[in-house]
């Protein structure tokens, strides 16, 4: 938020400072109440609407957030932070035309981190539109704009570690970008810049496992779990590795934890079913497969 001016609510400093404190303490509803007071007193600024928009995002009220980002830009068309966050929302809601317009403005921002973040979003749009080479180029630009941006390394690592299936095709295409060593290097750079970023440890572990390198993969997945012990899919990834390595009780323990954290994950249930099968407990395996099928069917009907 350093991009925008924060000299907000000058005659009502307490409410503005209280809102910032509530935000830092993750009391997003409390922050919104304080910001509403600032707005009701007609002491408005781009900073107030930017912060309130981010609070609305935290409580999953994207429509209000989008309105506040737009209001921040009306008050200050140079508020790059609001423009970037608005573009991210527009991408989520497939408004790629307006998102693209915003991002093209941001990639020439005088602020290197804003340029880098904008290139990341351009790359993500290209990836989701099956323009994989352009996605790689955008991530290269993101790193060039700001090599200290850990997310630029992270997202390029994701691209290097993913099999790409063009739209309309049924199997991965042959392309020169799948590069596990490059992915490991990029995730390593991300971890160096932000050691507490659990998903970088997890993603690097997955790459190691895909190369049958448990010696390096297991410490990484263990670190990811230490950093984020409530992410169910981390346990599922470690459980799968235990299973293929014959450590069935360890696999079962991790799948149990994964299911306890997210009982609606059919992949965890199916993984546990395989372990039950290997342990000779066919009835338990069948129960998990049945539960997974019900969840998958329910999800399909919602779609």
Protein backbone atom coordinates (compact mmCIF):
# COMPACT_ATOMS: atom_id res chain seq x y z
CA UNK A 1 0.00 0.00 0.00
CA UNK A 2 3.03 2.27 -0.02
CA UNK A 3 2.20 3.23 -3.61
CA UNK A 4 -0.83 5.25 -2.57
CA UNK A 5 -0.99 8.27 -0.34
CA UNK A 6 -1.90 7.42 3.24
CA UNK A 7 -2.51 10.92 4.55
CA UNK A 8 -6.12 9.96 5.08
CA UNK A 9 -8.68 11.08 7.63
CA UNK A 10 -6.42 13.85 8.91
CA UNK A 11 -9.05 15.31 11.21
CA UNK A 12 -10.22 11.88 12.25
CA UNK A 13 -6.92 10.13 12.77
CA UNK A 14 -8.22 7.74 15.43
CA UNK A 15 -10.62 5.99 13.08
CA UNK A 16 -8.01 5.65 10.34
CA UNK A 17 -5.36 4.39 12.75
CA UNK A 18 -7.89 2.04 14.33
CA UNK A 19 -8.74 0.63 10.91
CA UNK A 20 -5.06 -0.01 10.20
CA UNK A 21 -4.66 -1.71 13.58
CA UNK A 22 -7.72 -3.90 12.97
CA UNK A 23 -6.32 -4.86 9.55
CA UNK A 24 -2.98 -5.84 11.06
CA UNK A 25 -4.79 -7.92 13.68
CA UNK A 26 -6.89 -9.57 10.93
CA UNK A 27 -10.14 -8.17 12.32
CA UNK A 28 -11.44 -7.28 8.87
CA UNK A 29 -15.02 -6.53 9.91
CA UNK A 30 -13.73 -4.21 12.63
CA UNK A 31 -11.55 -2.42 10.08
CA UNK A 32 -14.52 -2.00 7.74
CA UNK A 33 -16.55 -0.40 10.53
CA UNK A 34 -13.77 2.12 11.22
CA UNK A 35 -13.36 2.87 7.51
CA UNK A 36 -17.11 3.32 7.13
CA UNK A 37 -16.92 5.95 9.85
CA UNK A 38 -14.19 7.79 7.94
CA UNK A 39 -16.29 7.71 4.79
CA UNK A 40 -19.45 8.82 6.60
CA UNK A 41 -17.54 11.87 7.86
CA UNK A 42 -16.77 12.70 4.24
CA UNK A 43 -13.06 12.31 4.84
CA UNK A 44 -12.35 10.10 1.88
CA UNK A 45 -9.16 9.10 0.08
CA UNK A 46 -7.90 6.38 -2.21
CA UNK A 47 -6.14 4.86 0.82
CA UNK A 48 -9.41 4.37 2.68
CA UNK A 49 -11.19 2.70 -0.24
CA UNK A 50 -8.13 0.59 -1.04
CA UNK A 51 -7.93 -0.76 2.49
CA UNK A 52 -11.67 -1.35 2.70
CA UNK A 53 -11.58 -3.20 -0.62
CA UNK A 54 -8.87 -5.49 0.70
CA UNK A 55 -10.90 -6.10 3.85
CA UNK A 56 -13.91 -7.03 1.73
CA UNK A 57 -11.75 -9.47 -0.19
CA UNK A 58 -10.68 -11.12 3.05
CA UNK A 59 -14.32 -11.74 3.97
CA UNK A 60 -15.04 -12.96 0.41
CA UNK A 61 -17.22 -10.04 -0.66
CA UNK A 62 -15.68 -9.51 -4.08
CA UNK A 63 -18.44 -7.31 -5.47
CA UNK A 64 -17.95 -4.72 -2.71
CA UNK A 65 -14.19 -5.01 -3.09
CA UNK A 66 -14.40 -4.34 -6.81
CA UNK A 67 -16.52 -1.24 -6.22
CA UNK A 68 -14.03 0.11 -3.68
CA UNK A 69 -11.03 -0.49 -5.96
CA UNK A 70 -12.83 1.49 -8.67
CA UNK A 71 -13.63 4.28 -6.21
CA UNK A 72 -9.97 4.45 -5.14
CA UNK A 73 -9.01 4.88 -8.79
CA UNK A 74 -11.60 7.63 -9.27
CA UNK A 75 -10.04 9.52 -6.39
CA UNK A 76 -6.49 8.78 -7.53
CA UNK A 77 -5.99 7.43 -11.08
CA UNK A 78 -2.32 6.86 -10.19
CA UNK A 79 -3.08 4.41 -7.40
CA UNK A 80 -1.31 1.45 -8.99
CA UNK A 81 -2.02 -0.84 -6.04
CA UNK A 82 -5.78 -0.46 -6.53
CA UNK A 83 -5.44 -0.97 -10.30
CA UNK A 84 -3.42 -4.15 -9.79
CA UNK A 85 -5.81 -5.64 -7.23
CA UNK A 86 -8.78 -4.75 -9.44
CA UNK A 87 -7.13 -6.49 -12.39
CA UNK A 88 -6.62 -9.61 -10.27
CA UNK A 89 -10.32 -9.65 -9.45
CA UNK A 90 -11.24 -9.08 -13.09
CA UNK A 91 -9.13 -12.09 -14.06
CA UNK A 92 -10.94 -14.24 -11.50
CA UNK A 93 -14.28 -13.18 -12.98
CA UNK A 94 -12.99 -13.69 -16.57
CA UNK A 95 -13.17 -10.00 -17.43
CA UNK A 96 -9.88 -10.37 -19.25
CA UNK A 97 -10.49 -7.42 -21.56
CA UNK A 98 -10.54 -4.87 -18.74
CA UNK A 99 -7.90 -6.77 -16.79
CA UNK A 100 -5.60 -6.62 -19.81
CA UNK A 101 -6.11 -2.87 -20.15
CA UNK A 102 -5.19 -2.35 -16.51
CA UNK A 103 -2.14 -4.59 -16.70
CA UNK A 104 -0.82 -2.91 -19.83
CA UNK A 105 -0.84 0.35 -17.92
CA UNK A 106 0.92 -1.21 -14.96
CA UNK A 107 3.79 -2.88 -16.82
CA UNK A 108 5.16 0.62 -17.49
CA UNK A 109 4.76 1.75 -13.88
CA UNK A 110 7.76 3.56 -12.38
CA UNK A 111 7.60 1.14 -9.44
CA UNK A 112 9.54 -2.06 -10.15
CA UNK A 113 7.42 -4.27 -7.87
CA UNK A 114 4.21 -3.10 -9.50
CA UNK A 115 5.69 -3.82 -12.96
CA UNK A 116 6.77 -7.25 -11.77
CA UNK A 117 3.38 -8.08 -10.25
CA UNK A 118 1.61 -6.89 -13.40
CA UNK A 119 3.77 -9.16 -15.57
CA UNK A 120 2.92 -12.06 -13.26
CA UNK A 121 -0.79 -11.45 -13.79
CA UNK A 122 -0.24 -11.14 -17.56
CA UNK A 123 1.54 -14.49 -17.46
CA UNK A 124 -1.25 -16.12 -15.50
CA UNK A 125 -3.81 -14.84 -18.02
CA UNK A 126 -1.70 -16.25 -20.86
CA UNK A 127 -1.42 -19.59 -19.11
CA UNK A 128 -5.16 -19.89 -18.51
CA UNK A 129 -5.73 -18.95 -22.16
CA UNK A 130 -3.41 -21.76 -23.34
CA UNK A 131 -0.73 -19.31 -24.50
CA UNK A 132 2.02 -21.08 -22.67
CA UNK A 133 5.10 -19.60 -24.42
CA UNK A 134 3.74 -16.11 -23.77
CA UNK A 135 3.19 -17.03 -20.13
CA UNK A 136 6.85 -18.00 -19.77
CA UNK A 137 7.93 -14.76 -21.46
CA UNK A 138 5.76 -12.75 -19.07
CA UNK A 139 7.29 -14.46 -16.04
CA UNK A 140 10.75 -13.72 -17.43
CA UNK A 141 9.74 -10.07 -17.64
CA UNK A 142 8.43 -10.22 -14.05
CA UNK A 143 11.81 -11.43 -12.81
CA UNK A 144 13.64 -8.88 -14.92
CA UNK A 145 11.48 -6.08 -13.50
CA UNK A 146 12.15 -7.10 -9.90
CA UNK A 147 14.34 -10.10 -9.13
CA UNK A 148 13.52 -9.74 -5.42
CA UNK A 149 9.85 -10.55 -6.07
CA UNK A 150 9.55 -14.08 -4.70
CA UNK A 151 6.22 -14.63 -6.48
CA UNK A 152 7.82 -14.10 -9.89
CA UNK A 153 10.21 -16.99 -9.24
CA UNK A 154 7.39 -19.06 -7.75
CA UNK A 155 5.04 -18.70 -10.71
CA UNK A 156 7.78 -19.33 -13.26
CA UNK A 157 8.68 -22.44 -11.27
CA UNK A 158 5.07 -23.56 -11.53
CA UNK A 159 5.15 -23.11 -15.29
CA UNK A 160 8.41 -25.03 -15.67
CA UNK A 161 6.99 -27.90 -13.60
CA UNK A 162 3.62 -28.24 -15.36
CA UNK A 163 2.61 -30.45 -18.25
CA UNK A 164 0.81 -28.22 -20.72
CA UNK A 165 -2.27 -29.49 -22.54
CA UNK A 166 -3.47 -27.18 -25.35
CA UNK A 167 -7.18 -26.51 -25.56
CA UNK A 168 -8.94 -29.25 -27.49
CA UNK A 169 -6.13 -31.75 -27.06
CA UNK A 170 -6.36 -34.86 -24.91
CA UNK A 171 -2.71 -35.33 -23.98
CA UNK A 172 0.22 -33.11 -23.05
CA UNK A 173 1.88 -31.35 -25.94
CA UNK A 174 5.56 -31.62 -26.75
CA UNK A 175 7.10 -28.27 -25.88
CA UNK A 176 10.50 -27.04 -24.68
CA UNK A 177 9.36 -25.49 -21.40
CA UNK A 178 8.89 -28.50 -19.12
CA UNK A 179 12.12 -28.25 -17.15
CA UNK A 180 12.28 -29.82 -13.71
CA UNK A 181 15.82 -28.58 -12.89
CA UNK A 182 14.77 -25.02 -13.81
CA UNK A 183 11.65 -25.38 -11.65
CA UNK A 184 13.76 -26.56 -8.70
CA UNK A 185 16.07 -23.58 -9.18
CA UNK A 186 13.15 -21.12 -9.33
CA UNK A 187 11.47 -22.55 -6.24
CA UNK A 188 14.85 -22.39 -4.51
CA UNK A 189 15.17 -18.70 -5.39
CA UNK A 190 11.66 -18.12 -4.04
CA UNK A 191 12.50 -19.91 -0.80
CA UNK A 192 15.73 -17.91 -0.44
CA UNK A 193 13.73 -14.68 -0.71
CA UNK A 194 10.82 -15.86 1.47
CA UNK A 195 11.73 -18.89 3.60
CA UNK A 196 8.31 -19.04 5.28
CA UNK A 197 6.42 -19.44 1.98
CA UNK A 198 5.11 -22.96 2.52
CA UNK A 199 3.81 -23.57 -0.98
CA UNK A 200 7.24 -23.04 -2.54
CA UNK A 201 8.58 -25.85 -0.33
CA UNK A 202 5.59 -28.00 -1.28
CA UNK A 203 5.91 -27.36 -5.01
CA UNK A 204 9.63 -28.12 -4.98
CA UNK A 205 8.90 -31.34 -3.10
CA UNK A 206 6.42 -32.34 -5.81
CA UNK A 207 9.06 -31.76 -8.50
CA UNK A 208 11.56 -33.88 -6.59
CA UNK A 209 8.98 -36.64 -6.18
CA UNK A 210 8.23 -36.50 -9.91
CA UNK A 211 11.93 -37.21 -10.44
CA UNK A 212 11.82 -40.08 -7.92
CA UNK A 213 14.10 -38.10 -5.63
CA UNK A 214 12.70 -38.79 -2.19
CA UNK A 215 15.96 -37.82 -0.48
CA UNK A 216 15.40 -34.16 -1.36
CA UNK A 217 11.62 -34.21 -1.65
CA UNK A 218 10.76 -35.50 1.82
CA UNK A 219 12.58 -32.71 3.75
CA UNK A 220 10.79 -30.15 1.59
CA UNK A 221 7.31 -31.57 2.15
CA UNK A 222 8.06 -31.86 5.88
CA UNK A 223 9.02 -28.18 5.95
CA UNK A 224 5.85 -27.21 4.08
CA UNK A 225 3.78 -29.04 6.70
CA UNK A 226 5.68 -27.40 9.55
CA UNK A 227 4.95 -23.98 8.07
CA UNK A 228 1.28 -24.68 7.21
CA UNK A 229 0.05 -27.60 9.32
CA UNK A 230 -3.59 -27.10 8.31
CA UNK A 231 -3.21 -27.60 4.53
CA UNK A 232 -4.74 -30.98 3.85
CA UNK A 233 -3.19 -31.51 0.42
CA UNK A 234 0.33 -31.28 1.87
CA UNK A 235 -0.42 -34.36 3.95
CA UNK A 236 -1.90 -36.12 0.93
CA UNK A 237 1.28 -35.47 -1.06
CA UNK A 238 3.43 -36.90 1.72
CA UNK A 239 1.03 -39.80 2.18
CA UNK A 240 1.31 -40.71 -1.51
CA UNK A 241 5.09 -40.73 -1.25
CA UNK A 242 4.94 -42.93 1.84
CA UNK A 243 2.60 -45.26 0.00
CA UNK A 244 4.75 -45.71 -3.12
CA UNK A 245 7.76 -46.28 -0.86
CA UNK A 246 5.95 -49.01 1.09
CA UNK A 247 5.52 -47.10 4.37
CA UNK A 248 1.84 -47.92 4.57
CA UNK A 249 1.18 -46.99 8.20
CA UNK A 250 2.82 -43.60 7.70
CA UNK A 251 0.74 -43.15 4.55
CA UNK A 252 -2.44 -44.06 6.40
CA UNK A 253 -1.63 -41.61 9.21
CA UNK A 254 -1.13 -38.76 6.74
CA UNK A 255 -4.26 -39.57 4.75
CA UNK A 256 -6.23 -39.67 8.01
CA UNK A 257 -4.93 -36.20 8.85
CA UNK A 258 -5.75 -34.94 5.36
CA UNK A 259 -9.32 -36.27 5.53
CA UNK A 260 -9.79 -34.85 9.03
CA UNK A 261 -8.73 -31.43 7.74
CA UNK A 262 -10.88 -31.66 4.61
CA UNK A 263 -13.49 -34.42 4.61
CA UNK A 264 -14.74 -33.31 1.18
CA UNK A 265 -11.51 -34.03 -0.71
CA UNK A 266 -12.18 -37.03 -2.97
CA UNK A 267 -8.49 -37.36 -3.90
CA UNK A 268 -7.52 -37.89 -0.26
CA UNK A 269 -10.27 -40.46 0.15
CA UNK A 270 -9.19 -42.31 -2.99
CA UNK A 271 -5.56 -42.23 -1.86
CA UNK A 272 -6.53 -43.65 1.50
CA UNK A 273 -8.60 -46.30 -0.25
CA UNK A 274 -5.48 -47.48 -2.09
CA UNK A 275 -3.62 -47.76 1.21
CA UNK A 276 -6.50 -49.68 2.78
CA UNK A 277 -6.38 -52.02 -0.22
CA UNK A 278 -2.65 -52.62 0.21
CA UNK A 279 -3.24 -53.33 3.89
CA UNK A 280 -5.87 -55.91 2.97
CA UNK A 281 -8.76 -53.94 4.45
CA UNK A 282 -11.10 -54.06 1.48
CA UNK A 283 -14.24 -52.94 3.31
CA UNK A 284 -12.56 -49.71 4.44
CA UNK A 285 -11.25 -49.20 0.92
CA UNK A 286 -14.72 -49.57 -0.51
CA UNK A 287 -16.17 -47.10 2.02
CA UNK A 288 -13.65 -44.45 1.03
CA UNK A 289 -14.23 -45.01 -2.70
CA UNK A 290 -17.98 -44.74 -2.17
CA UNK A 291 -17.59 -41.52 -0.17
CA UNK A 292 -15.31 -40.08 -2.87
CA UNK A 293 -17.83 -40.95 -5.59
CA UNK A 294 -20.64 -39.20 -3.71
CA UNK A 295 -18.52 -36.05 -3.28
CA UNK A 296 -17.52 -36.06 -6.95
CA UNK A 297 -21.14 -36.51 -8.04
CA UNK A 298 -22.32 -33.71 -5.77
CA UNK A 299 -19.65 -31.38 -7.17
CA UNK A 300 -20.62 -32.27 -10.74
CA UNK A 301 -24.29 -31.55 -10.06
CA UNK A 302 -23.40 -28.12 -8.63
CA UNK A 303 -21.49 -27.28 -11.81
